[in-house]
């Protein structure tokens, strides 16, 4: 099984710098800003924003206004499935 993305970027500082730069640019685009704002709004509504419980608002179709909490590892995998569909 291949290593995790986090392991790769820990071992490759130049690649990590490039990735962080790309992410910063994406977060400033209209699409990135909209996704981030909606995620933060939903996390606040669910009461999980900044409380240290280690949960995220679940990513599933139609999850911009209502949702449920989920562990981040499962949540990120499901988000990738939505993107591929």
PDB file of N, CA and C in Angstrom:
ATOM      1  N   UNK A   1       0.844  -1.180   0.000  1.00  0.00           N
ATOM      2  CA  UNK A   1       0.000   0.000   0.000  1.00  0.00           C
ATOM      3  C   UNK A   1       0.884   1.236   0.000  1.00  0.00           C
ATOM      4  N   UNK A   2       0.496   2.212  -0.749  1.00  0.00           N
ATOM      5  CA  UNK A   2       1.274   3.457  -0.847  1.00  0.00           C
ATOM      6  C   UNK A   2       1.180   4.249   0.449  1.00  0.00           C
ATOM      7  N   UNK A   3       2.181   5.109   0.687  1.00  0.00           N
ATOM      8  CA  UNK A   3       2.193   5.949   1.878  1.00  0.00           C
ATOM      9  C   UNK A   3       1.165   7.054   1.783  1.00  0.00           C
ATOM     10  N   UNK A   4       0.948   7.712   2.897  1.00  0.00           N
ATOM     11  CA  UNK A   4      -0.046   8.781   2.911  1.00  0.00           C
ATOM     12  C   UNK A   4       0.523  10.062   2.307  1.00  0.00           C
ATOM     13  N   UNK A   5      -0.360  10.930   1.921  1.00  0.00           N
ATOM     14  CA  UNK A   5       0.037  12.223   1.364  1.00  0.00           C
ATOM     15  C   UNK A   5       0.803  13.020   2.415  1.00  0.00           C
ATOM     16  N   UNK A   6       0.340  12.961   3.657  1.00  0.00           N
ATOM     17  CA  UNK A   6       0.989  13.696   4.736  1.00  0.00           C
ATOM     18  C   UNK A   6       2.448  13.254   4.896  1.00  0.00           C
ATOM     19  N   UNK A   7       2.685  11.956   4.804  1.00  0.00           N
ATOM     20  CA  UNK A   7       4.058  11.442   4.912  1.00  0.00           C
ATOM     21  C   UNK A   7       4.922  11.988   3.777  1.00  0.00           C
ATOM     22  N   UNK A   8       4.374  12.002   2.564  1.00  0.00           N
ATOM     23  CA  UNK A   8       5.113  12.494   1.413  1.00  0.00           C
ATOM     24  C   UNK A   8       5.544  13.936   1.620  1.00  0.00           C
ATOM     25  N   UNK A   9       4.611  14.789   2.046  1.00  0.00           N
ATOM     26  CA  UNK A   9       4.929  16.200   2.201  1.00  0.00           C
ATOM     27  C   UNK A   9       5.843  16.464   3.404  1.00  0.00           C
ATOM     28  N   UNK A  10       5.812  15.605   4.412  1.00  0.00           N
ATOM     29  CA  UNK A  10       6.765  15.737   5.518  1.00  0.00           C
ATOM     30  C   UNK A  10       8.183  15.442   5.047  1.00  0.00           C
ATOM     31  N   UNK A  11       8.309  14.487   4.142  1.00  0.00           N
ATOM     32  CA  UNK A  11       9.628  14.077   3.660  1.00  0.00           C
ATOM     33  C   UNK A  11      10.152  14.960   2.526  1.00  0.00           C
ATOM     34  N   UNK A  12       9.280  15.739   1.892  1.00  0.00           N
ATOM     35  CA  UNK A  12       9.665  16.570   0.749  1.00  0.00           C
ATOM     36  C   UNK A  12       9.294  18.029   0.998  1.00  0.00           C
ATOM     37  N   UNK A  13      10.149  18.766   1.687  1.00  0.00           N
ATOM     38  CA  UNK A  13       9.811  20.145   2.055  1.00  0.00           C
ATOM     39  C   UNK A  13       9.588  21.072   0.859  1.00  0.00           C
ATOM     40  N   UNK A  14      10.291  20.857  -0.238  1.00  0.00           N
ATOM     41  CA  UNK A  14      10.088  21.706  -1.410  1.00  0.00           C
ATOM     42  C   UNK A  14       8.694  21.483  -2.002  1.00  0.00           C
ATOM     43  N   UNK A  15       8.294  20.224  -2.081  1.00  0.00           N
ATOM     44  CA  UNK A  15       6.958  19.910  -2.589  1.00  0.00           C
ATOM     45  C   UNK A  15       5.894  20.462  -1.647  1.00  0.00           C
ATOM     46  N   UNK A  16       6.168  20.413  -0.355  1.00  0.00           N
ATOM     47  CA  UNK A  16       5.226  20.931   0.635  1.00  0.00           C
ATOM     48  C   UNK A  16       5.035  22.444   0.464  1.00  0.00           C
ATOM     49  N   UNK A  17       6.128  23.159   0.248  1.00  0.00           N
ATOM     50  CA  UNK A  17       6.036  24.607   0.038  1.00  0.00           C
ATOM     51  C   UNK A  17       5.199  24.919  -1.198  1.00  0.00           C
ATOM     52  N   UNK A  18       5.421  24.149  -2.268  1.00  0.00           N
ATOM     53  CA  UNK A  18       4.670  24.356  -3.503  1.00  0.00           C
ATOM     54  C   UNK A  18       3.184  24.084  -3.284  1.00  0.00           C
ATOM     55  N   UNK A  19       2.872  23.006  -2.562  1.00  0.00           N
ATOM     56  CA  UNK A  19       1.479  22.651  -2.293  1.00  0.00           C
ATOM     57  C   UNK A  19       0.786  23.719  -1.457  1.00  0.00           C
ATOM     58  N   UNK A  20       1.454  24.215  -0.423  1.00  0.00           N
ATOM     59  CA  UNK A  20       0.872  25.250   0.432  1.00  0.00           C
ATOM     60  C   UNK A  20       0.611  26.521  -0.372  1.00  0.00           C
ATOM     61  N   UNK A  21       1.537  26.855  -1.260  1.00  0.00           N
ATOM     62  CA  UNK A  21       1.353  28.032  -2.105  1.00  0.00           C
ATOM     63  C   UNK A  21       0.134  27.858  -3.016  1.00  0.00           C
ATOM     64  N   UNK A  22      -0.020  26.657  -3.589  1.00  0.00           N
ATOM     65  CA  UNK A  22      -1.165  26.377  -4.449  1.00  0.00           C
ATOM     66  C   UNK A  22      -2.473  26.425  -3.657  1.00  0.00           C
ATOM     67  N   UNK A  23      -2.454  25.877  -2.451  1.00  0.00           N
ATOM     68  CA  UNK A  23      -3.661  25.884  -1.625  1.00  0.00           C
ATOM     69  C   UNK A  23      -4.054  27.308  -1.235  1.00  0.00           C
ATOM     70  N   UNK A  24      -3.078  28.126  -0.897  1.00  0.00           N
ATOM     71  CA  UNK A  24      -3.360  29.515  -0.549  1.00  0.00           C
ATOM     72  C   UNK A  24      -4.007  30.243  -1.722  1.00  0.00           C
ATOM     73  N   UNK A  25      -3.500  30.002  -2.927  1.00  0.00           N
ATOM     74  CA  UNK A  25      -4.066  30.638  -4.110  1.00  0.00           C
ATOM     75  C   UNK A  25      -5.495  30.144  -4.349  1.00  0.00           C
ATOM     76  N   UNK A  26      -5.720  28.845  -4.185  1.00  0.00           N
ATOM     77  CA  UNK A  26      -7.054  28.277  -4.408  1.00  0.00           C
ATOM     78  C   UNK A  26      -8.068  28.835  -3.410  1.00  0.00           C
ATOM     79  N   UNK A  27      -7.655  28.994  -2.158  1.00  0.00           N
ATOM     80  CA  UNK A  27      -8.569  29.497  -1.131  1.00  0.00           C
ATOM     81  C   UNK A  27      -9.015  30.927  -1.400  1.00  0.00           C
ATOM     82  N   UNK A  28      -8.291  31.639  -2.254  1.00  0.00           N
ATOM     83  CA  UNK A  28      -8.647  33.012  -2.595  1.00  0.00           C
ATOM     84  C   UNK A  28      -9.544  33.098  -3.826  1.00  0.00           C
ATOM     85  N   UNK A  29      -9.710  31.994  -4.562  1.00  0.00           N
ATOM     86  CA  UNK A  29     -10.585  32.006  -5.728  1.00  0.00           C
ATOM     87  C   UNK A  29     -12.040  32.033  -5.267  1.00  0.00           C
ATOM     88  N   UNK A  30     -12.934  32.387  -6.152  1.00  0.00           N
ATOM     89  CA  UNK A  30     -14.359  32.450  -5.812  1.00  0.00           C
ATOM     90  C   UNK A  30     -14.874  31.085  -5.361  1.00  0.00           C
ATOM     91  N   UNK A  31     -14.486  30.039  -6.067  1.00  0.00           N
ATOM     92  CA  UNK A  31     -14.948  28.693  -5.725  1.00  0.00           C
ATOM     93  C   UNK A  31     -14.396  28.252  -4.369  1.00  0.00           C
ATOM     94  N   UNK A  32     -13.099  28.452  -4.154  1.00  0.00           N
ATOM     95  CA  UNK A  32     -12.481  28.054  -2.893  1.00  0.00           C
ATOM     96  C   UNK A  32     -13.053  28.824  -1.718  1.00  0.00           C
ATOM     97  N   UNK A  33     -13.273  30.112  -1.915  1.00  0.00           N
ATOM     98  CA  UNK A  33     -13.844  30.946  -0.859  1.00  0.00           C
ATOM     99  C   UNK A  33     -15.253  30.482  -0.510  1.00  0.00           C
ATOM    100  N   UNK A  34     -16.053  30.196  -1.526  1.00  0.00           N
ATOM    101  CA  UNK A  34     -17.429  29.751  -1.297  1.00  0.00           C
ATOM    102  C   UNK A  34     -17.457  28.436  -0.516  1.00  0.00           C
ATOM    103  N   UNK A  35     -16.618  27.481  -0.912  1.00  0.00           N
ATOM    104  CA  UNK A  35     -16.557  26.197  -0.209  1.00  0.00           C
ATOM    105  C   UNK A  35     -16.141  26.377   1.245  1.00  0.00           C
ATOM    106  N   UNK A  36     -15.143  27.217   1.462  1.00  0.00           N
ATOM    107  CA  UNK A  36     -14.630  27.434   2.808  1.00  0.00           C
ATOM    108  C   UNK A  36     -15.661  28.125   3.698  1.00  0.00           C
ATOM    109  N   UNK A  37     -16.320  29.139   3.150  1.00  0.00           N
ATOM    110  CA  UNK A  37     -17.331  29.871   3.913  1.00  0.00           C
ATOM    111  C   UNK A  37     -18.491  28.952   4.282  1.00  0.00           C
ATOM    112  N   UNK A  38     -18.959  28.148   3.320  1.00  0.00           N
ATOM    113  CA  UNK A  38     -20.061  27.218   3.600  1.00  0.00           C
ATOM    114  C   UNK A  38     -19.668  26.167   4.629  1.00  0.00           C
ATOM    115  N   UNK A  39     -18.452  25.652   4.534  1.00  0.00           N
ATOM    116  CA  UNK A  39     -17.996  24.653   5.500  1.00  0.00           C
ATOM    117  C   UNK A  39     -17.919  25.245   6.905  1.00  0.00           C
ATOM    118  N   UNK A  40     -17.372  26.448   7.017  1.00  0.00           N
ATOM    119  CA  UNK A  40     -17.280  27.092   8.327  1.00  0.00           C
ATOM    120  C   UNK A  40     -18.666  27.376   8.898  1.00  0.00           C
ATOM    121  N   UNK A  41     -19.579  27.836   8.049  1.00  0.00           N
ATOM    122  CA  UNK A  41     -20.939  28.149   8.488  1.00  0.00           C
ATOM    123  C   UNK A  41     -21.632  26.881   9.013  1.00  0.00           C
ATOM    124  N   UNK A  42     -21.475  25.782   8.281  1.00  0.00           N
ATOM    125  CA  UNK A  42     -22.093  24.526   8.689  1.00  0.00           C
ATOM    126  C   UNK A  42     -21.461  24.001   9.974  1.00  0.00           C
ATOM    127  N   UNK A  43     -20.138  24.109  10.096  1.00  0.00           N
ATOM    128  CA  UNK A  43     -19.475  23.672  11.323  1.00  0.00           C
ATOM    129  C   UNK A  43     -19.956  24.470  12.529  1.00  0.00           C
ATOM    130  N   UNK A  44     -20.167  25.765  12.347  1.00  0.00           N
ATOM    131  CA  UNK A  44     -20.682  26.593  13.439  1.00  0.00           C
ATOM    132  C   UNK A  44     -22.106  26.171  13.807  1.00  0.00           C
ATOM    133  N   UNK A  45     -22.923  25.929  12.783  1.00  0.00           N
ATOM    134  CA  UNK A  45     -24.314  25.527  13.009  1.00  0.00           C
ATOM    135  C   UNK A  45     -24.382  24.198  13.770  1.00  0.00           C
ATOM    136  N   UNK A  46     -23.484  23.276  13.444  1.00  0.00           N
ATOM    137  CA  UNK A  46     -23.469  21.968  14.100  1.00  0.00           C
ATOM    138  C   UNK A  46     -22.798  22.014  15.471  1.00  0.00           C
ATOM    139  N   UNK A  47     -22.168  23.141  15.805  1.00  0.00           N
ATOM    140  CA  UNK A  47     -21.529  23.285  17.105  1.00  0.00           C
ATOM    141  C   UNK A  47     -20.176  22.619  17.205  1.00  0.00           C
ATOM    142  N   UNK A  48     -19.569  22.289  16.086  1.00  0.00           N
ATOM    143  CA  UNK A  48     -18.285  21.600  16.110  1.00  0.00           C
ATOM    144  C   UNK A  48     -17.119  22.520  15.756  1.00  0.00           C
ATOM    145  N   UNK A  49     -17.409  23.762  15.374  1.00  0.00           N
ATOM    146  CA  UNK A  49     -16.362  24.697  14.966  1.00  0.00           C
ATOM    147  C   UNK A  49     -15.555  25.167  16.172  1.00  0.00           C
ATOM    148  N   UNK A  50     -14.281  24.814  16.201  1.00  0.00           N
ATOM    149  CA  UNK A  50     -13.374  25.315  17.224  1.00  0.00           C
ATOM    150  C   UNK A  50     -13.546  24.729  18.605  1.00  0.00           C
ATOM    151  N   UNK A  51     -14.306  23.653  18.756  1.00  0.00           N
ATOM    152  CA  UNK A  51     -14.490  23.104  20.094  1.00  0.00           C
ATOM    153  C   UNK A  51     -13.523  21.971  20.425  1.00  0.00           C
ATOM    154  N   UNK A  52     -12.678  21.600  19.467  1.00  0.00           N
ATOM    155  CA  UNK A  52     -11.642  20.604  19.729  1.00  0.00           C
ATOM    156  C   UNK A  52     -12.138  19.172  19.777  1.00  0.00           C
ATOM    157  N   UNK A  53     -13.332  18.893  19.265  1.00  0.00           N
ATOM    158  CA  UNK A  53     -13.847  17.523  19.310  1.00  0.00           C
ATOM    159  C   UNK A  53     -13.292  16.642  18.200  1.00  0.00           C
ATOM    160  N   UNK A  54     -12.556  17.236  17.262  1.00  0.00           N
ATOM    161  CA  UNK A  54     -11.951  16.457  16.187  1.00  0.00           C
ATOM    162  C   UNK A  54     -12.930  16.033  15.117  1.00  0.00           C
ATOM    163  N   UNK A  55     -14.091  16.628  15.056  1.00  0.00           N
ATOM    164  CA  UNK A  55     -15.097  16.274  14.054  1.00  0.00           C
ATOM    165  C   UNK A  55     -15.230  17.389  13.023  1.00  0.00           C
ATOM    166  N   UNK A  56     -15.692  17.000  11.827  1.00  0.00           N
ATOM    167  CA  UNK A  56     -15.970  17.932  10.743  1.00  0.00           C
ATOM    168  C   UNK A  56     -17.434  17.792  10.350  1.00  0.00           C
ATOM    169  N   UNK A  57     -17.946  18.783   9.643  1.00  0.00           N
ATOM    170  CA  UNK A  57     -19.253  18.639   9.019  1.00  0.00           C
ATOM    171  C   UNK A  57     -19.083  17.648   7.874  1.00  0.00           C
ATOM    172  N   UNK A  58     -19.983  16.667   7.790  1.00  0.00           N
ATOM    173  CA  UNK A  58     -19.869  15.622   6.785  1.00  0.00           C
ATOM    174  C   UNK A  58     -20.072  16.189   5.386  1.00  0.00           C
ATOM    175  N   UNK A  59     -19.293  15.676   4.433  1.00  0.00           N
ATOM    176  CA  UNK A  59     -19.430  16.056   3.029  1.00  0.00           C
ATOM    177  C   UNK A  59     -20.309  15.030   2.333  1.00  0.00           C
ATOM    178  N   UNK A  60     -21.442  15.453   1.884  1.00  0.00           N
ATOM    179  CA  UNK A  60     -22.302  14.618   1.057  1.00  0.00           C
ATOM    180  C   UNK A  60     -23.156  15.553   0.227  1.00  0.00           C
ATOM    181  N   UNK A  61     -23.778  15.046  -0.814  1.00  0.00           N
ATOM    182  CA  UNK A  61     -24.567  15.899  -1.700  1.00  0.00           C
ATOM    183  C   UNK A  61     -25.675  16.589  -0.914  1.00  0.00           C
ATOM    184  N   UNK A  62     -25.784  17.895  -1.080  1.00  0.00           N
ATOM    185  CA  UNK A  62     -26.787  18.673  -0.371  1.00  0.00           C
ATOM    186  C   UNK A  62     -26.390  19.042   1.042  1.00  0.00           C
ATOM    187  N   UNK A  63     -25.104  18.967   1.369  1.00  0.00           N
ATOM    188  CA  UNK A  63     -24.677  19.205   2.747  1.00  0.00           C
ATOM    189  C   UNK A  63     -24.300  20.658   3.026  1.00  0.00           C
ATOM    190  N   UNK A  64     -24.726  21.585   2.172  1.00  0.00           N
ATOM    191  CA  UNK A  64     -24.338  22.976   2.394  1.00  0.00           C
ATOM    192  C   UNK A  64     -25.206  23.660   3.436  1.00  0.00           C
ATOM    193  N   UNK A  65     -26.431  23.175   3.670  1.00  0.00           N
ATOM    194  CA  UNK A  65     -27.310  23.834   4.629  1.00  0.00           C
ATOM    195  C   UNK A  65     -27.643  22.979   5.833  1.00  0.00           C
ATOM    196  N   UNK A  66     -27.556  21.672   5.698  1.00  0.00           N
ATOM    197  CA  UNK A  66     -27.823  20.790   6.823  1.00  0.00           C
ATOM    198  C   UNK A  66     -26.751  19.724   6.827  1.00  0.00           C
ATOM    199  N   UNK A  67     -26.528  19.116   7.940  1.00  0.00           N
ATOM    200  CA  UNK A  67     -25.459  18.138   7.950  1.00  0.00           C
ATOM    201  C   UNK A  67     -25.365  17.357   9.226  1.00  0.00           C
ATOM    202  N   UNK A  68     -24.303  16.598   9.299  1.00  0.00           N
ATOM    203  CA  UNK A  68     -24.016  15.793  10.481  1.00  0.00           C
ATOM    204  C   UNK A  68     -22.508  15.798  10.664  1.00  0.00           C
ATOM    205  N   UNK A  69     -22.054  15.476  11.852  1.00  0.00           N
ATOM    206  CA  UNK A  69     -20.618  15.459  12.094  1.00  0.00           C
ATOM    207  C   UNK A  69     -20.047  14.092  11.742  1.00  0.00           C
ATOM    208  N   UNK A  70     -18.759  14.101  11.444  1.00  0.00           N
ATOM    209  CA  UNK A  70     -18.083  12.889  11.011  1.00  0.00           C
ATOM    210  C   UNK A  70     -16.600  13.043  11.294  1.00  0.00           C
ATOM    211  N   UNK A  71     -15.899  11.934  11.483  1.00  0.00           N
ATOM    212  CA  UNK A  71     -14.460  12.024  11.698  1.00  0.00           C
ATOM    213  C   UNK A  71     -13.805  12.540  10.423  1.00  0.00           C
ATOM    214  N   UNK A  72     -12.761  13.360  10.546  1.00  0.00           N
ATOM    215  CA  UNK A  72     -12.132  13.960   9.362  1.00  0.00           C
ATOM    216  C   UNK A  72     -11.616  12.951   8.345  1.00  0.00           C
ATOM    217  N   UNK A  73     -11.071  11.827   8.789  1.00  0.00           N
ATOM    218  CA  UNK A  73     -10.504  10.876   7.829  1.00  0.00           C
ATOM    219  C   UNK A  73     -11.588  10.289   6.933  1.00  0.00           C
ATOM    220  N   UNK A  74     -12.707   9.907   7.497  1.00  0.00           N
ATOM    221  CA  UNK A  74     -13.819   9.370   6.703  1.00  0.00           C
ATOM    222  C   UNK A  74     -14.419  10.474   5.846  1.00  0.00           C
ATOM    223  N   UNK A  75     -14.527  11.651   6.419  1.00  0.00           N
ATOM    224  CA  UNK A  75     -15.120  12.789   5.735  1.00  0.00           C
ATOM    225  C   UNK A  75     -14.346  13.146   4.469  1.00  0.00           C
ATOM    226  N   UNK A  76     -13.050  13.160   4.536  1.00  0.00           N
ATOM    227  CA  UNK A  76     -12.241  13.538   3.375  1.00  0.00           C
ATOM    228  C   UNK A  76     -12.309  12.484   2.294  1.00  0.00           C
ATOM    229  N   UNK A  77     -12.406  11.218   2.675  1.00  0.00           N
ATOM    230  CA  UNK A  77     -12.553  10.158   1.679  1.00  0.00           C
ATOM    231  C   UNK A  77     -13.875  10.294   0.948  1.00  0.00           C
ATOM    232  N   UNK A  78     -14.950  10.619   1.672  1.00  0.00           N
ATOM    233  CA  UNK A  78     -16.248  10.746   1.033  1.00  0.00           C
ATOM    234  C   UNK A  78     -16.286  11.957   0.109  1.00  0.00           C
ATOM    235  N   UNK A  79     -15.565  13.019   0.456  1.00  0.00           N
ATOM    236  CA  UNK A  79     -15.527  14.212  -0.392  1.00  0.00           C
ATOM    237  C   UNK A  79     -14.879  13.876  -1.727  1.00  0.00           C
ATOM    238  N   UNK A  80     -13.866  13.021  -1.698  1.00  0.00           N
ATOM    239  CA  UNK A  80     -13.221  12.628  -2.947  1.00  0.00           C
ATOM    240  C   UNK A  80     -14.182  11.833  -3.817  1.00  0.00           C
ATOM    241  N   UNK A  81     -15.021  11.004  -3.203  1.00  0.00           N
ATOM    242  CA  UNK A  81     -15.999  10.236  -3.974  1.00  0.00           C
ATOM    243  C   UNK A  81     -17.000  11.165  -4.653  1.00  0.00           C
ATOM    244  N   UNK A  82     -17.425  12.216  -3.950  1.00  0.00           N
ATOM    245  CA  UNK A  82     -18.370  13.170  -4.513  1.00  0.00           C
ATOM    246  C   UNK A  82     -17.741  13.869  -5.718  1.00  0.00           C
ATOM    247  N   UNK A  83     -16.475  14.259  -5.585  1.00  0.00           N
ATOM    248  CA  UNK A  83     -15.790  14.950  -6.671  1.00  0.00           C
ATOM    249  C   UNK A  83     -15.678  14.109  -7.924  1.00  0.00           C
ATOM    250  N   UNK A  84     -15.433  12.795  -7.760  1.00  0.00           N
ATOM    251  CA  UNK A  84     -15.262  11.912  -8.907  1.00  0.00           C
ATOM    252  C   UNK A  84     -16.584  11.664  -9.623  1.00  0.00           C
ATOM    253  N   UNK A  85     -17.669  11.753  -8.916  1.00  0.00           N
ATOM    254  CA  UNK A  85     -18.992  11.445  -9.509  1.00  0.00           C
ATOM    255  C   UNK A  85     -19.407  12.477 -10.521  1.00  0.00           C
TER     256      UNK A  85
END
